N, C-alpha and C. Protein backbone atom coordinates (compact mmCIF):
# COMPACT_ATOMS: atom_id res chain seq x y z
N UNK A 1 0.85 -1.19 0.00
CA UNK A 1 0.00 0.00 0.00
C UNK A 1 0.89 1.25 0.00
N UNK A 2 0.63 2.09 -0.96
CA UNK A 2 1.44 3.29 -1.14
C UNK A 2 0.75 4.47 -0.46
N UNK A 3 1.49 5.26 0.27
CA UNK A 3 0.91 6.43 0.92
C UNK A 3 1.36 7.68 0.18
N UNK A 4 0.46 8.62 0.07
CA UNK A 4 0.79 9.89 -0.58
C UNK A 4 1.47 10.81 0.42
N UNK A 5 2.50 11.45 -0.03
CA UNK A 5 3.21 12.39 0.82
C UNK A 5 2.64 13.79 0.57
N UNK A 6 2.24 14.45 1.62
CA UNK A 6 1.73 15.82 1.52
C UNK A 6 2.85 16.78 1.91
N UNK A 7 2.84 17.89 1.28
CA UNK A 7 3.83 18.92 1.57
C UNK A 7 3.11 20.15 2.11
N UNK A 8 2.78 20.14 3.38
CA UNK A 8 1.98 21.26 3.93
C UNK A 8 2.72 22.60 3.88
N UNK A 9 4.03 22.60 4.03
CA UNK A 9 4.77 23.86 4.00
C UNK A 9 4.74 24.47 2.59
N UNK A 10 4.97 23.65 1.58
CA UNK A 10 4.94 24.13 0.19
C UNK A 10 3.55 24.62 -0.16
N UNK A 11 2.53 23.88 0.24
CA UNK A 11 1.15 24.28 -0.04
C UNK A 11 0.82 25.61 0.64
N UNK A 12 1.24 25.75 1.87
CA UNK A 12 0.99 27.00 2.60
C UNK A 12 1.70 28.17 1.93
N UNK A 13 2.94 27.96 1.55
CA UNK A 13 3.68 29.02 0.86
C UNK A 13 3.00 29.38 -0.45
N UNK A 14 2.58 28.37 -1.22
CA UNK A 14 1.87 28.60 -2.49
C UNK A 14 0.60 29.43 -2.26
N UNK A 15 -0.19 29.04 -1.28
CA UNK A 15 -1.45 29.75 -1.02
C UNK A 15 -1.19 31.20 -0.62
N UNK A 16 -0.22 31.43 0.24
CA UNK A 16 0.06 32.80 0.67
C UNK A 16 0.63 33.65 -0.48
N UNK A 17 1.46 33.05 -1.32
CA UNK A 17 2.03 33.80 -2.45
C UNK A 17 0.93 34.23 -3.41
N UNK A 18 0.03 33.30 -3.73
CA UNK A 18 -1.01 33.66 -4.69
C UNK A 18 -2.08 34.57 -4.07
N UNK A 19 -2.33 34.45 -2.79
CA UNK A 19 -3.23 35.40 -2.12
C UNK A 19 -2.59 36.79 -2.13
N UNK A 20 -1.28 36.85 -1.90
CA UNK A 20 -0.56 38.12 -1.93
C UNK A 20 -0.56 38.71 -3.34
N UNK A 21 -0.34 37.86 -4.35
CA UNK A 21 -0.36 38.32 -5.74
C UNK A 21 -1.73 38.90 -6.09
N UNK A 22 -2.80 38.21 -5.70
CA UNK A 22 -4.15 38.73 -5.95
C UNK A 22 -4.38 40.06 -5.27
N UNK A 23 -3.90 40.17 -4.04
CA UNK A 23 -4.05 41.41 -3.29
C UNK A 23 -3.26 42.55 -3.95
N UNK A 24 -2.05 42.26 -4.43
CA UNK A 24 -1.24 43.27 -5.10
C UNK A 24 -1.94 43.75 -6.37
N UNK A 25 -2.46 42.82 -7.19
CA UNK A 25 -3.16 43.21 -8.40
C UNK A 25 -4.39 44.07 -8.07
N UNK A 26 -5.09 43.68 -7.04
CA UNK A 26 -6.26 44.44 -6.60
C UNK A 26 -5.88 45.84 -6.16
N UNK A 27 -4.81 45.95 -5.41
CA UNK A 27 -4.36 47.26 -4.92
C UNK A 27 -3.87 48.13 -6.07
N UNK A 28 -3.07 47.55 -6.98
CA UNK A 28 -2.55 48.32 -8.12
C UNK A 28 -3.69 48.87 -8.97
N UNK A 29 -4.65 48.00 -9.29
CA UNK A 29 -5.79 48.45 -10.09
C UNK A 29 -6.60 49.54 -9.39
N UNK A 30 -6.82 49.36 -8.11
CA UNK A 30 -7.60 50.35 -7.36
C UNK A 30 -6.86 51.69 -7.25
N UNK A 31 -5.56 51.64 -6.99
CA UNK A 31 -4.77 52.86 -6.89
C UNK A 31 -4.77 53.61 -8.22
N UNK A 32 -4.63 52.87 -9.32
CA UNK A 32 -4.61 53.52 -10.64
C UNK A 32 -5.97 54.14 -10.96
N UNK A 33 -7.07 53.46 -10.58
CA UNK A 33 -8.40 54.05 -10.78
C UNK A 33 -8.54 55.33 -9.97
N UNK A 34 -8.09 55.31 -8.72
CA UNK A 34 -8.17 56.50 -7.88
C UNK A 34 -7.33 57.62 -8.47
N UNK A 35 -6.13 57.30 -8.98
CA UNK A 35 -5.28 58.29 -9.61
C UNK A 35 -5.98 58.91 -10.83
N UNK A 36 -6.60 58.07 -11.65
CA UNK A 36 -7.33 58.57 -12.81
C UNK A 36 -8.45 59.51 -12.39
N UNK A 37 -9.19 59.13 -11.38
CA UNK A 37 -10.31 59.96 -10.91
C UNK A 37 -9.80 61.29 -10.35
N UNK A 38 -8.72 61.26 -9.61
CA UNK A 38 -8.16 62.50 -9.06
C UNK A 38 -7.71 63.44 -10.18
N UNK A 39 -7.06 62.89 -11.22
CA UNK A 39 -6.62 63.74 -12.33
C UNK A 39 -7.80 64.25 -13.14
N UNK A 40 -8.87 63.49 -13.20
CA UNK A 40 -10.02 63.91 -14.00
C UNK A 40 -10.86 64.97 -13.29
N UNK A 41 -10.97 64.87 -11.96
CA UNK A 41 -11.90 65.75 -11.25
C UNK A 41 -11.26 66.73 -10.28
N UNK A 42 -10.05 66.47 -9.80
CA UNK A 42 -9.42 67.36 -8.82
C UNK A 42 -8.24 68.10 -9.45
N UNK A 43 -7.28 67.36 -9.96
CA UNK A 43 -6.08 67.95 -10.56
C UNK A 43 -6.24 68.02 -12.07
N UNK A 44 -7.15 68.84 -12.52
CA UNK A 44 -7.51 68.88 -13.94
C UNK A 44 -6.40 69.45 -14.83
N UNK A 45 -5.48 70.20 -14.28
CA UNK A 45 -4.39 70.76 -15.08
C UNK A 45 -3.28 69.75 -15.33
N UNK A 46 -3.35 68.60 -14.71
CA UNK A 46 -2.28 67.60 -14.84
C UNK A 46 -2.15 67.06 -16.25
N UNK A 47 -3.20 67.16 -17.04
CA UNK A 47 -3.17 66.59 -18.39
C UNK A 47 -3.22 67.63 -19.51
N UNK A 48 -3.02 68.90 -19.14
CA UNK A 48 -3.06 69.95 -20.16
C UNK A 48 -1.94 69.79 -21.19
N UNK A 49 -0.76 69.42 -20.73
CA UNK A 49 0.37 69.26 -21.65
C UNK A 49 0.10 68.14 -22.66
N UNK A 50 -0.52 67.07 -22.20
CA UNK A 50 -0.86 65.97 -23.10
C UNK A 50 -1.82 66.43 -24.20
N UNK A 51 -2.78 67.24 -23.83
CA UNK A 51 -3.71 67.77 -24.83
C UNK A 51 -2.99 68.69 -25.82
N UNK A 52 -2.04 69.48 -25.32
CA UNK A 52 -1.29 70.38 -26.19
C UNK A 52 -0.47 69.61 -27.21
N UNK A 53 0.22 68.57 -26.79
CA UNK A 53 1.04 67.78 -27.72
C UNK A 53 0.19 67.05 -28.74
N UNK A 54 -1.01 66.72 -28.39
CA UNK A 54 -1.86 65.99 -29.33
C UNK A 54 -2.33 66.87 -30.48
N UNK A 55 -2.19 68.18 -30.34
CA UNK A 55 -2.63 69.10 -31.38
C UNK A 55 -1.53 69.44 -32.38
N UNK A 56 -0.35 68.86 -32.19
CA UNK A 56 0.76 69.16 -33.07
C UNK A 56 0.48 68.59 -34.48
N UNK A 57 0.56 69.44 -35.50
CA UNK A 57 0.29 68.95 -36.86
C UNK A 57 1.46 68.13 -37.38
N UNK A 58 1.19 67.24 -38.33
CA UNK A 58 2.28 66.44 -38.91
C UNK A 58 3.14 67.29 -39.83
N UNK A 59 4.33 66.83 -40.09
CA UNK A 59 5.25 67.56 -40.97
C UNK A 59 4.98 67.19 -42.42
N UNK A 60 5.17 68.14 -43.34
CA UNK A 60 4.97 67.82 -44.75
C UNK A 60 6.07 66.89 -45.25
N UNK A 61 5.78 66.12 -46.31
CA UNK A 61 6.78 65.17 -46.80
C UNK A 61 7.88 65.78 -47.66
N UNK A 62 7.85 67.08 -47.89
CA UNK A 62 8.87 67.76 -48.69
C UNK A 62 9.62 68.72 -47.79
N UNK A 63 10.87 68.99 -48.13
CA UNK A 63 11.66 69.90 -47.31
C UNK A 63 10.94 71.23 -47.15
N UNK A 64 10.91 71.71 -45.93
CA UNK A 64 10.25 72.97 -45.64
C UNK A 64 10.93 74.11 -46.40
N UNK A 65 12.25 74.06 -46.51
CA UNK A 65 13.00 75.13 -47.17
C UNK A 65 12.59 75.24 -48.64
N UNK A 66 12.19 74.15 -49.22
CA UNK A 66 11.81 74.17 -50.63
C UNK A 66 10.41 74.75 -50.81
N UNK A 67 9.55 74.54 -49.85
CA UNK A 67 8.17 75.04 -49.94
C UNK A 67 8.13 76.52 -49.61
N UNK A 68 8.85 76.93 -48.61
CA UNK A 68 8.83 78.32 -48.18
C UNK A 68 9.12 78.40 -46.70
N UNK A 69 8.99 79.57 -46.16
CA UNK A 69 9.24 79.75 -44.74
C UNK A 69 7.94 79.62 -43.96
N UNK A 70 8.07 79.76 -42.66
CA UNK A 70 6.91 79.67 -41.78
C UNK A 70 5.87 80.69 -42.20
N UNK A 71 4.61 80.31 -42.08
CA UNK A 71 3.52 81.20 -42.50
C UNK A 71 3.66 82.57 -41.83
N UNK A 72 3.45 83.61 -42.58
CA UNK A 72 3.59 84.96 -42.06
C UNK A 72 4.86 85.61 -42.56
N UNK A 73 5.85 84.82 -42.91
CA UNK A 73 7.08 85.36 -43.50
C UNK A 73 6.98 85.22 -45.01
N UNK A 74 7.57 86.17 -45.70
CA UNK A 74 7.55 86.09 -47.16
C UNK A 74 8.91 85.63 -47.65
N UNK A 75 8.91 84.98 -48.81
CA UNK A 75 10.17 84.63 -49.44
C UNK A 75 10.81 85.90 -49.97
N UNK A 76 12.12 85.99 -49.80
CA UNK A 76 12.79 87.18 -50.33
C UNK A 76 12.77 87.11 -51.86
N UNK A 77 12.79 88.25 -52.54
CA UNK A 77 12.71 88.27 -54.00
C UNK A 77 13.84 87.52 -54.69
N UNK A 78 14.98 87.38 -54.04
CA UNK A 78 16.11 86.68 -54.64
C UNK A 78 15.88 85.17 -54.67
N UNK A 79 15.05 84.68 -53.75
CA UNK A 79 14.83 83.24 -53.67
C UNK A 79 13.72 82.84 -54.63
N UNK A 80 13.98 81.81 -55.36
CA UNK A 80 12.98 81.28 -56.26
C UNK A 80 12.63 79.87 -55.81
N UNK A 81 11.37 79.59 -55.78
CA UNK A 81 10.95 78.25 -55.40
C UNK A 81 10.52 77.53 -56.66
N UNK A 82 11.27 76.51 -57.01
CA UNK A 82 10.95 75.72 -58.19
C UNK A 82 10.54 74.32 -57.74
N UNK A 83 9.31 74.01 -57.96
CA UNK A 83 8.80 72.69 -57.62
C UNK A 83 8.44 71.95 -58.90
N UNK A 84 8.81 70.70 -58.93
CA UNK A 84 8.44 69.89 -60.09
C UNK A 84 6.96 69.54 -59.99
N UNK A 85 6.41 69.04 -61.08
CA UNK A 85 5.00 68.63 -61.06
C UNK A 85 4.78 67.52 -60.04
N UNK A 86 5.75 66.63 -59.90
CA UNK A 86 5.64 65.55 -58.93
C UNK A 86 5.59 66.10 -57.51
N UNK A 87 6.46 67.08 -57.21
CA UNK A 87 6.48 67.68 -55.88
C UNK A 87 5.19 68.45 -55.62
N UNK A 88 4.66 69.12 -56.63
CA UNK A 88 3.38 69.81 -56.47
C UNK A 88 2.27 68.81 -56.17
N UNK A 89 2.29 67.66 -56.84
CA UNK A 89 1.29 66.63 -56.60
C UNK A 89 1.43 66.07 -55.18
N UNK A 90 2.68 65.91 -54.73
CA UNK A 90 2.92 65.42 -53.35
C UNK A 90 2.37 66.42 -52.35
N UNK A 91 2.60 67.71 -52.59
CA UNK A 91 2.11 68.74 -51.68
C UNK A 91 0.59 68.77 -51.68
N UNK A 92 -0.02 68.70 -52.85
CA UNK A 92 -1.49 68.68 -52.92
C UNK A 92 -2.05 67.47 -52.18
N UNK A 93 -1.41 66.31 -52.36
CA UNK A 93 -1.85 65.11 -51.66
C UNK A 93 -1.68 65.27 -50.15
N UNK A 94 -0.56 65.88 -49.74
CA UNK A 94 -0.32 66.09 -48.32
C UNK A 94 -1.36 67.03 -47.72
N UNK A 95 -1.73 68.07 -48.45
CA UNK A 95 -2.74 69.02 -47.96
C UNK A 95 -4.07 68.29 -47.74
N UNK A 96 -4.43 67.43 -48.67
CA UNK A 96 -5.67 66.65 -48.51
C UNK A 96 -5.57 65.74 -47.28
N UNK A 97 -4.45 65.05 -47.16
CA UNK A 97 -4.25 64.16 -46.00
C UNK A 97 -4.23 64.95 -44.69
N UNK A 98 -3.60 66.12 -44.71
CA UNK A 98 -3.53 66.95 -43.52
C UNK A 98 -4.92 67.41 -43.09
N UNK A 99 -5.74 67.84 -44.05
CA UNK A 99 -7.10 68.27 -43.73
C UNK A 99 -7.93 67.12 -43.19
N UNK A 100 -7.77 65.93 -43.78
CA UNK A 100 -8.46 64.75 -43.26
C UNK A 100 -8.01 64.43 -41.84
N UNK A 101 -6.69 64.54 -41.61
CA UNK A 101 -6.15 64.28 -40.28
C UNK A 101 -6.71 65.26 -39.26
N UNK A 102 -6.78 66.52 -39.62
CA UNK A 102 -7.32 67.53 -38.71
C UNK A 102 -8.77 67.24 -38.36
N UNK A 103 -9.56 66.81 -39.34
CA UNK A 103 -10.96 66.48 -39.08
C UNK A 103 -11.07 65.28 -38.14
N UNK A 104 -10.28 64.25 -38.40
CA UNK A 104 -10.31 63.06 -37.53
C UNK A 104 -9.79 63.38 -36.14
N UNK A 105 -8.74 64.17 -36.07
CA UNK A 105 -8.14 64.52 -34.79
C UNK A 105 -9.11 65.34 -33.94
N UNK A 106 -9.89 66.18 -34.60
CA UNK A 106 -10.85 67.02 -33.87
C UNK A 106 -11.93 66.18 -33.20
N UNK A 107 -12.20 65.00 -33.73
CA UNK A 107 -13.23 64.12 -33.17
C UNK A 107 -12.74 63.34 -31.95
N UNK A 108 -11.43 63.30 -31.75
CA UNK A 108 -10.85 62.46 -30.70
C UNK A 108 -10.27 63.33 -29.60
N UNK A 109 -10.64 63.01 -28.36
CA UNK A 109 -10.00 63.64 -27.21
C UNK A 109 -8.94 62.67 -26.71
N UNK A 110 -7.65 63.01 -26.85
CA UNK A 110 -6.60 62.05 -26.49
C UNK A 110 -6.59 61.68 -25.01
N UNK A 111 -6.99 62.60 -24.16
CA UNK A 111 -7.01 62.31 -22.73
C UNK A 111 -8.10 61.28 -22.41
N UNK A 112 -9.27 61.47 -22.98
CA UNK A 112 -10.36 60.52 -22.76
C UNK A 112 -9.97 59.15 -23.31
N UNK A 113 -9.33 59.15 -24.46
CA UNK A 113 -8.88 57.90 -25.07
C UNK A 113 -7.89 57.18 -24.16
N UNK A 114 -6.92 57.93 -23.61
CA UNK A 114 -5.94 57.32 -22.70
C UNK A 114 -6.61 56.83 -21.42
N UNK A 115 -7.55 57.60 -20.91
CA UNK A 115 -8.26 57.19 -19.70
C UNK A 115 -9.00 55.87 -19.93
N UNK A 116 -9.58 55.72 -21.11
CA UNK A 116 -10.28 54.47 -21.41
C UNK A 116 -9.29 53.30 -21.45
N UNK A 117 -8.11 53.52 -22.03
CA UNK A 117 -7.10 52.46 -22.05
C UNK A 117 -6.68 52.10 -20.62
N UNK A 118 -6.44 53.12 -19.81
CA UNK A 118 -6.04 52.87 -18.43
C UNK A 118 -7.15 52.20 -17.64
N UNK A 119 -8.38 52.61 -17.86
CA UNK A 119 -9.50 52.00 -17.15
C UNK A 119 -9.62 50.53 -17.50
N UNK A 120 -9.40 50.21 -18.75
CA UNK A 120 -9.44 48.81 -19.19
C UNK A 120 -8.36 48.00 -18.47
N UNK A 121 -7.15 48.55 -18.39
CA UNK A 121 -6.06 47.85 -17.71
C UNK A 121 -6.34 47.70 -16.22
N UNK A 122 -6.83 48.77 -15.59
CA UNK A 122 -7.12 48.72 -14.16
C UNK A 122 -8.22 47.71 -13.85
N UNK A 123 -9.25 47.70 -14.67
CA UNK A 123 -10.33 46.75 -14.46
C UNK A 123 -9.83 45.32 -14.64
N UNK A 124 -8.93 45.12 -15.59
CA UNK A 124 -8.34 43.79 -15.78
C UNK A 124 -7.56 43.37 -14.53
N UNK A 125 -6.77 44.29 -13.95
CA UNK A 125 -6.06 43.99 -12.70
C UNK A 125 -7.03 43.55 -11.62
N UNK A 126 -8.10 44.30 -11.47
CA UNK A 126 -9.07 44.00 -10.41
C UNK A 126 -9.80 42.69 -10.68
N UNK A 127 -10.22 42.48 -11.93
CA UNK A 127 -10.95 41.26 -12.26
C UNK A 127 -10.09 40.01 -12.14
N UNK A 128 -8.80 40.13 -12.31
CA UNK A 128 -7.90 38.99 -12.11
C UNK A 128 -7.50 38.89 -10.64
N UNK A 129 -7.18 40.02 -10.03
CA UNK A 129 -6.68 40.02 -8.66
C UNK A 129 -7.71 39.64 -7.62
N UNK A 130 -8.93 40.11 -7.76
CA UNK A 130 -9.96 39.85 -6.74
C UNK A 130 -10.28 38.36 -6.60
N UNK A 131 -10.62 37.65 -7.68
CA UNK A 131 -10.90 36.22 -7.51
C UNK A 131 -9.67 35.43 -7.04
N UNK A 132 -8.49 35.82 -7.55
CA UNK A 132 -7.27 35.15 -7.15
C UNK A 132 -7.06 35.29 -5.64
N UNK A 133 -7.23 36.49 -5.16
CA UNK A 133 -7.07 36.74 -3.73
C UNK A 133 -8.15 36.03 -2.93
N UNK A 134 -9.41 36.20 -3.30
CA UNK A 134 -10.51 35.62 -2.53
C UNK A 134 -10.42 34.09 -2.48
N UNK A 135 -10.12 33.46 -3.59
CA UNK A 135 -10.04 32.00 -3.62
C UNK A 135 -8.94 31.49 -2.70
N UNK A 136 -7.73 32.04 -2.85
CA UNK A 136 -6.62 31.54 -2.05
C UNK A 136 -6.77 31.91 -0.57
N UNK A 137 -7.31 33.08 -0.31
CA UNK A 137 -7.49 33.48 1.09
C UNK A 137 -8.57 32.62 1.76
N UNK A 138 -9.61 32.25 1.02
CA UNK A 138 -10.65 31.39 1.61
C UNK A 138 -10.09 30.01 1.93
N UNK A 139 -9.19 29.50 1.10
CA UNK A 139 -8.55 28.21 1.41
C UNK A 139 -7.69 28.34 2.65
N UNK A 140 -6.95 29.42 2.76
CA UNK A 140 -6.10 29.65 3.94
C UNK A 140 -6.97 29.72 5.20
N UNK A 141 -8.06 30.47 5.14
CA UNK A 141 -8.95 30.60 6.32
C UNK A 141 -9.56 29.25 6.69
N UNK A 142 -9.97 28.48 5.69
CA UNK A 142 -10.57 27.17 5.94
C UNK A 142 -9.56 26.24 6.63
N UNK A 143 -8.33 26.26 6.13
CA UNK A 143 -7.30 25.38 6.72
C UNK A 143 -6.86 25.83 8.10
N UNK A 144 -6.87 27.13 8.36
CA UNK A 144 -6.49 27.59 9.71
C UNK A 144 -7.59 27.32 10.71
N UNK A 145 -8.85 27.30 10.26
CA UNK A 145 -9.95 26.96 11.17
C UNK A 145 -9.89 25.48 11.59
N UNK A 146 -9.45 24.62 10.65
CA UNK A 146 -9.33 23.19 10.94
C UNK A 146 -8.25 22.93 11.97
N UNK A 147 -7.23 23.75 11.98
CA UNK A 147 -6.11 23.53 12.91
C UNK A 147 -6.40 24.12 14.21
């Protein structure tokens, strides 16, 4: 007759490690949700820089020096801008793409988009951490009551 060997120390260590892991995931998710809420409703200026960077327009695909200077400055009379038909077509295509980009960008709030990504991650932490913690902690409590 063969007897099974139990390893109570290893089992106890396993249960405590996974209960701790579940608790850590639960805490991380909860802290991140609280941080998001504080930035959204209390510290509203914390994300102003992110909104500013999201409004940066893309660069044209042709050298800026060839197209001209920054808007508001005029080309000096000595400078001549010679663009080939291909370069003119590229610029026209870029203008169309830029206008489309501006329209699409105007529909998206980057901060709200990032908050949704973070909320998804935080909820995943909580949904994984809570059952992991509760299951292993209930086994620990059950075994300590027996002893």
